[in-house]
Amino acid sequence: MFKVGKIVNTHGIKGEVKVKRITDFEERFAAGETVYILKEDGQTFPLTIDTHRTHKQFDLLQFKGLYNINDVEQFKGLYLNVKADQLNELGKNEYYYHEIIGCQVMTTSGDRLGEIDSILSPGANDVWVVKGEDGKEMLIPYIEDVVKHVDVDNKKVTIELMEGLLE
């Protein structure tokens, strides 16, 4: 299961939920698509999207059969997920976060810097947060001048250290 959004609140009284999207694919929330909530006991609960609209910076979703605020109140704070077979094919040099997080980062000269711990999306390009052996964090921009090779199968990324990058 892969997270695509987080239900941050309900919206109105007709069963809509306010979702903070954590996917680049807007079509994940199209009417008729299925998303899943993971219950505490590990079971999955499928939800079919009935309606979708955007409001401010959020996606507002209504699920089939759940048309009252009382039906969806229980979902506040939970993540919406998709199964692996629902993932879209990506283009060259495009990766899912789960493929990048956990990769070891090496320099072109062979020095090990650490492991990618998380990914930030501040704007023009993603920034990979690398946790070093000493626990310090380094911010590596995902740009062509820095990231030279990504091998998701072997969980290894090779970067070119630019002047001032690690300062």
C-alpha atoms as a PDB file:
ATOM      1  CA  MET A   1       0.000   0.000   0.000  1.00  0.00           C
ATOM      2  CA  PHE A   2       1.195   3.483  -0.876  1.00  0.00           C
ATOM      3  CA  LYS A   3      -0.049   6.712   0.697  1.00  0.00           C
ATOM      4  CA  VAL A   4      -1.673   9.204  -1.670  1.00  0.00           C
ATOM      5  CA  GLY A   5      -3.394  11.551   0.779  1.00  0.00           C
ATOM      6  CA  LYS A   6      -4.317  12.245   4.361  1.00  0.00           C
ATOM      7  CA  ILE A   7      -7.838  12.995   5.535  1.00  0.00           C
ATOM      8  CA  VAL A   8      -7.344  16.118   7.634  1.00  0.00           C
ATOM      9  CA  ASN A   9     -10.983  16.880   8.394  1.00  0.00           C
ATOM     10  CA  THR A  10     -14.588  16.569   7.343  1.00  0.00           C
ATOM     11  CA  HIS A  11     -16.155  19.246   5.147  1.00  0.00           C
ATOM     12  CA  GLY A  12     -19.789  20.150   5.610  1.00  0.00           C
ATOM     13  CA  ILE A  13     -22.469  17.720   6.736  1.00  0.00           C
ATOM     14  CA  LYS A  14     -22.939  15.641   3.574  1.00  0.00           C
ATOM     15  CA  GLY A  15     -20.015  13.262   4.048  1.00  0.00           C
ATOM     16  CA  GLU A  16     -17.235  15.114   2.263  1.00  0.00           C
ATOM     17  CA  VAL A  17     -13.691  14.849   3.604  1.00  0.00           C
ATOM     18  CA  LYS A  18     -10.848  17.332   3.231  1.00  0.00           C
ATOM     19  CA  VAL A  19      -7.717  15.596   1.923  1.00  0.00           C
ATOM     20  CA  LYS A  20      -4.117  16.814   1.877  1.00  0.00           C
ATOM     21  CA  ARG A  21      -2.769  15.273  -1.309  1.00  0.00           C
ATOM     22  CA  ILE A  22       0.603  13.506  -1.238  1.00  0.00           C
ATOM     23  CA  THR A  23       0.633  12.388  -4.857  1.00  0.00           C
ATOM     24  CA  ASP A  24       1.371  14.148  -8.120  1.00  0.00           C
ATOM     25  CA  PHE A  25      -1.410  12.220  -9.851  1.00  0.00           C
ATOM     26  CA  GLU A  26      -4.688  14.118  -9.565  1.00  0.00           C
ATOM     27  CA  GLU A  27      -6.477  11.242 -11.321  1.00  0.00           C
ATOM     28  CA  ARG A  28      -6.047   9.171  -8.136  1.00  0.00           C
ATOM     29  CA  PHE A  29      -9.067  11.045  -6.798  1.00  0.00           C
ATOM     30  CA  ALA A  30     -11.291  10.785  -9.895  1.00  0.00           C
ATOM     31  CA  ALA A  31     -14.862   9.566  -9.458  1.00  0.00           C
ATOM     32  CA  GLY A  32     -14.957   5.785  -9.587  1.00  0.00           C
ATOM     33  CA  GLU A  33     -11.385   5.279  -8.328  1.00  0.00           C
ATOM     34  CA  THR A  34     -10.828   3.125  -5.253  1.00  0.00           C
ATOM     35  CA  VAL A  35      -8.616   4.121  -2.346  1.00  0.00           C
ATOM     36  CA  TYR A  36      -7.985   2.201   0.847  1.00  0.00           C
ATOM     37  CA  ILE A  37      -7.803   3.015   4.522  1.00  0.00           C
ATOM     38  CA  LEU A  38      -5.624   0.797   6.689  1.00  0.00           C
ATOM     39  CA  LYS A  39      -7.366  -0.141   9.898  1.00  0.00           C
ATOM     40  CA  GLU A  40      -5.461  -0.535  13.163  1.00  0.00           C
ATOM     41  CA  ASP A  41      -5.825  -4.339  12.922  1.00  0.00           C
ATOM     42  CA  GLY A  42      -3.986  -4.272   9.571  1.00  0.00           C
ATOM     43  CA  GLN A  43      -7.060  -4.877   7.438  1.00  0.00           C
ATOM     44  CA  THR A  44      -7.807  -2.652   4.475  1.00  0.00           C
ATOM     45  CA  PHE A  45     -11.092  -0.826   4.026  1.00  0.00           C
ATOM     46  CA  PRO A  46     -11.872   0.071   0.380  1.00  0.00           C
ATOM     47  CA  LEU A  47     -13.558   3.374  -0.440  1.00  0.00           C
ATOM     48  CA  THR A  48     -14.869   4.230  -3.899  1.00  0.00           C
ATOM     49  CA  ILE A  49     -14.732   7.908  -4.749  1.00  0.00           C
ATOM     50  CA  ASP A  50     -18.125   9.309  -5.718  1.00  0.00           C
ATOM     51  CA  THR A  51     -17.216  12.975  -6.191  1.00  0.00           C
ATOM     52  CA  HIS A  52     -14.042  15.036  -6.237  1.00  0.00           C
ATOM     53  CA  ARG A  53     -13.455  18.767  -6.252  1.00  0.00           C
ATOM     54  CA  THR A  54     -10.720  21.081  -5.079  1.00  0.00           C
ATOM     55  CA  HIS A  55     -11.119  23.819  -2.521  1.00  0.00           C
ATOM     56  CA  LYS A  56      -8.207  26.077  -1.625  1.00  0.00           C
ATOM     57  CA  GLN A  57      -5.189  23.732  -1.248  1.00  0.00           C
ATOM     58  CA  PHE A  58      -7.220  20.600  -0.527  1.00  0.00           C
ATOM     59  CA  ASP A  59      -9.064  17.868  -2.383  1.00  0.00           C
ATOM     60  CA  LEU A  60     -12.645  17.365  -1.232  1.00  0.00           C
ATOM     61  CA  LEU A  61     -13.833  13.798  -1.664  1.00  0.00           C
ATOM     62  CA  GLN A  62     -17.116  12.068  -1.100  1.00  0.00           C
ATOM     63  CA  PHE A  63     -17.245   8.269  -1.029  1.00  0.00           C
ATOM     64  CA  LYS A  64     -20.036   6.083  -2.398  1.00  0.00           C
ATOM     65  CA  GLY A  65     -22.535   5.152   0.282  1.00  0.00           C
ATOM     66  CA  LEU A  66     -21.130   7.621   2.834  1.00  0.00           C
ATOM     67  CA  TYR A  67     -23.289  10.730   2.550  1.00  0.00           C
ATOM     68  CA  ASN A  68     -23.383  11.971   6.130  1.00  0.00           C
ATOM     69  CA  ILE A  69     -20.732  13.602   8.313  1.00  0.00           C
ATOM     70  CA  ASN A  70     -21.261  10.817  10.869  1.00  0.00           C
ATOM     71  CA  ASP A  71     -20.219   8.225   8.245  1.00  0.00           C
ATOM     72  CA  VAL A  72     -16.802   9.813   7.642  1.00  0.00           C
ATOM     73  CA  GLU A  73     -15.940  11.371  11.008  1.00  0.00           C
ATOM     74  CA  GLN A  74     -14.045   8.174  11.927  1.00  0.00           C
ATOM     75  CA  PHE A  75     -11.599   8.702   9.025  1.00  0.00           C
ATOM     76  CA  LYS A  76     -10.134  11.994  10.271  1.00  0.00           C
ATOM     77  CA  GLY A  77      -6.350  11.762  10.528  1.00  0.00           C
ATOM     78  CA  LEU A  78      -6.106   8.561   8.476  1.00  0.00           C
ATOM     79  CA  TYR A  79      -4.227   8.085   5.213  1.00  0.00           C
ATOM     80  CA  LEU A  80      -5.714   7.161   1.855  1.00  0.00           C
ATOM     81  CA  ASN A  81      -3.695   4.457   0.130  1.00  0.00           C
ATOM     82  CA  VAL A  82      -3.509   2.708  -3.224  1.00  0.00           C
ATOM     83  CA  LYS A  83      -2.255  -0.783  -4.019  1.00  0.00           C
ATOM     84  CA  ALA A  84       0.929  -1.439  -5.973  1.00  0.00           C
ATOM     85  CA  ASP A  85      -1.034  -2.445  -9.076  1.00  0.00           C
ATOM     86  CA  GLN A  86      -2.644   1.020  -9.103  1.00  0.00           C
ATOM     87  CA  LEU A  87       0.693   2.827  -9.481  1.00  0.00           C
ATOM     88  CA  ASN A  88       1.223   4.677 -12.754  1.00  0.00           C
ATOM     89  CA  GLU A  89       4.164   4.066 -15.064  1.00  0.00           C
ATOM     90  CA  LEU A  90       6.724   6.836 -14.692  1.00  0.00           C
ATOM     91  CA  GLY A  91       8.946   8.442 -17.298  1.00  0.00           C
ATOM     92  CA  LYS A  92      12.711   8.297 -17.490  1.00  0.00           C
ATOM     93  CA  ASN A  93      14.427   9.808 -14.428  1.00  0.00           C
ATOM     94  CA  GLU A  94      11.127   9.875 -12.509  1.00  0.00           C
ATOM     95  CA  TYR A  95      10.757   7.889  -9.303  1.00  0.00           C
ATOM     96  CA  TYR A  96       8.224   7.211  -6.603  1.00  0.00           C
ATOM     97  CA  TYR A  97       9.227   8.418  -3.156  1.00  0.00           C
ATOM     98  CA  HIS A  98       9.245   4.857  -1.805  1.00  0.00           C
ATOM     99  CA  GLU A  99      11.858   3.943  -4.439  1.00  0.00           C
ATOM    100  CA  ILE A 100      14.192   6.764  -3.353  1.00  0.00           C
ATOM    101  CA  ILE A 101      13.768   6.745   0.429  1.00  0.00           C
ATOM    102  CA  GLY A 102      16.251   4.296   1.900  1.00  0.00           C
ATOM    103  CA  CYS A 103      18.783   4.593  -0.927  1.00  0.00           C
ATOM    104  CA  GLN A 104      22.443   4.919   0.013  1.00  0.00           C
ATOM    105  CA  VAL A 105      24.057   8.116  -1.288  1.00  0.00           C
ATOM    106  CA  MET A 106      27.591   7.964  -2.648  1.00  0.00           C
ATOM    107  CA  THR A 107      29.717  10.675  -4.237  1.00  0.00           C
ATOM    108  CA  THR A 108      31.274  10.209  -7.669  1.00  0.00           C
ATOM    109  CA  SER A 109      34.607   9.811  -5.854  1.00  0.00           C
ATOM    110  CA  GLY A 110      33.226   6.852  -3.872  1.00  0.00           C
ATOM    111  CA  ASP A 111      32.555   8.455  -0.467  1.00  0.00           C
ATOM    112  CA  ARG A 112      29.425   7.287   1.352  1.00  0.00           C
ATOM    113  CA  LEU A 113      27.343  10.228   2.599  1.00  0.00           C
ATOM    114  CA  GLY A 114      24.392   8.423   4.189  1.00  0.00           C
ATOM    115  CA  GLU A 115      20.863   7.281   3.471  1.00  0.00           C
ATOM    116  CA  ILE A 116      17.913   9.186   1.997  1.00  0.00           C
ATOM    117  CA  ASP A 117      15.556   9.635   4.930  1.00  0.00           C
ATOM    118  CA  SER A 118      12.793  11.768   3.410  1.00  0.00           C
ATOM    119  CA  ILE A 119      11.933  14.003   0.475  1.00  0.00           C
ATOM    120  CA  LEU A 120      10.907  17.649   0.517  1.00  0.00           C
ATOM    121  CA  SER A 121       8.950  19.294  -2.304  1.00  0.00           C
ATOM    122  CA  PRO A 122       9.540  23.025  -1.847  1.00  0.00           C
ATOM    123  CA  GLY A 123       8.949  24.084  -5.444  1.00  0.00           C
ATOM    124  CA  ALA A 124      10.920  23.751  -8.663  1.00  0.00           C
ATOM    125  CA  ASN A 125      12.602  20.465  -7.705  1.00  0.00           C
ATOM    126  CA  ASP A 126      12.516  17.906  -4.925  1.00  0.00           C
ATOM    127  CA  VAL A 127      15.138  17.975  -2.191  1.00  0.00           C
ATOM    128  CA  TRP A 128      16.362  14.694  -0.764  1.00  0.00           C
ATOM    129  CA  VAL A 129      17.127  14.677   2.971  1.00  0.00           C
ATOM    130  CA  VAL A 130      20.165  12.476   3.570  1.00  0.00           C
ATOM    131  CA  LYS A 131      20.933  11.317   7.095  1.00  0.00           C
ATOM    132  CA  GLY A 132      24.685  10.896   7.549  1.00  0.00           C
ATOM    133  CA  GLU A 133      26.498   8.336   9.667  1.00  0.00           C
ATOM    134  CA  ASP A 134      26.918  11.022  12.347  1.00  0.00           C
ATOM    135  CA  GLY A 135      23.178  11.737  12.377  1.00  0.00           C
ATOM    136  CA  LYS A 136      23.537  15.092  10.605  1.00  0.00           C
ATOM    137  CA  GLU A 137      21.152  15.864   7.781  1.00  0.00           C
ATOM    138  CA  MET A 138      22.252  16.992   4.336  1.00  0.00           C
ATOM    139  CA  LEU A 139      19.927  18.474   1.732  1.00  0.00           C
ATOM    140  CA  ILE A 140      20.547  17.249  -1.804  1.00  0.00           C
ATOM    141  CA  PRO A 141      18.598  18.926  -4.633  1.00  0.00           C
ATOM    142  CA  TYR A 142      17.270  16.500  -7.246  1.00  0.00           C
ATOM    143  CA  ILE A 143      18.791  18.298 -10.229  1.00  0.00           C
ATOM    144  CA  GLU A 144      20.845  17.015 -13.151  1.00  0.00           C
ATOM    145  CA  ASP A 145      24.019  18.831 -12.045  1.00  0.00           C
ATOM    146  CA  VAL A 146      24.008  17.009  -8.691  1.00  0.00           C
ATOM    147  CA  VAL A 147      22.287  13.630  -9.077  1.00  0.00           C
ATOM    148  CA  LYS A 148      24.319  11.624 -11.584  1.00  0.00           C
ATOM    149  CA  HIS A 149      22.899   8.114 -11.258  1.00  0.00           C
ATOM    150  CA  VAL A 150      19.943   6.477  -9.524  1.00  0.00           C
ATOM    151  CA  ASP A 151      19.813   2.689  -9.135  1.00  0.00           C
ATOM    152  CA  VAL A 152      16.547   1.894  -7.344  1.00  0.00           C
ATOM    153  CA  ASP A 153      17.061  -1.870  -7.695  1.00  0.00           C
ATOM    154  CA  ASN A 154      20.268  -1.703  -5.651  1.00  0.00           C
ATOM    155  CA  LYS A 155      19.070   1.262  -3.533  1.00  0.00           C
ATOM    156  CA  LYS A 156      22.052   3.423  -4.530  1.00  0.00           C
ATOM    157  CA  VAL A 157      22.309   7.054  -5.660  1.00  0.00           C
ATOM    158  CA  THR A 158      25.477   8.681  -6.955  1.00  0.00           C
ATOM    159  CA  ILE A 159      25.869  12.445  -6.699  1.00  0.00           C
ATOM    160  CA  GLU A 160      28.414  15.034  -7.805  1.00  0.00           C
ATOM    161  CA  LEU A 161      29.351  17.264  -4.889  1.00  0.00           C
ATOM    162  CA  MET A 162      29.068  20.880  -5.932  1.00  0.00           C
ATOM    163  CA  GLU A 163      30.971  23.544  -4.040  1.00  0.00           C
ATOM    164  CA  GLY A 164      29.048  24.567  -0.917  1.00  0.00           C
ATOM    165  CA  LEU A 165      26.485  21.756  -1.208  1.00  0.00           C
ATOM    166  CA  LEU A 166      27.208  20.218   2.182  1.00  0.00           C
ATOM    167  CA  GLU A 167      27.983  23.422   4.061  1.00  0.00           C
END
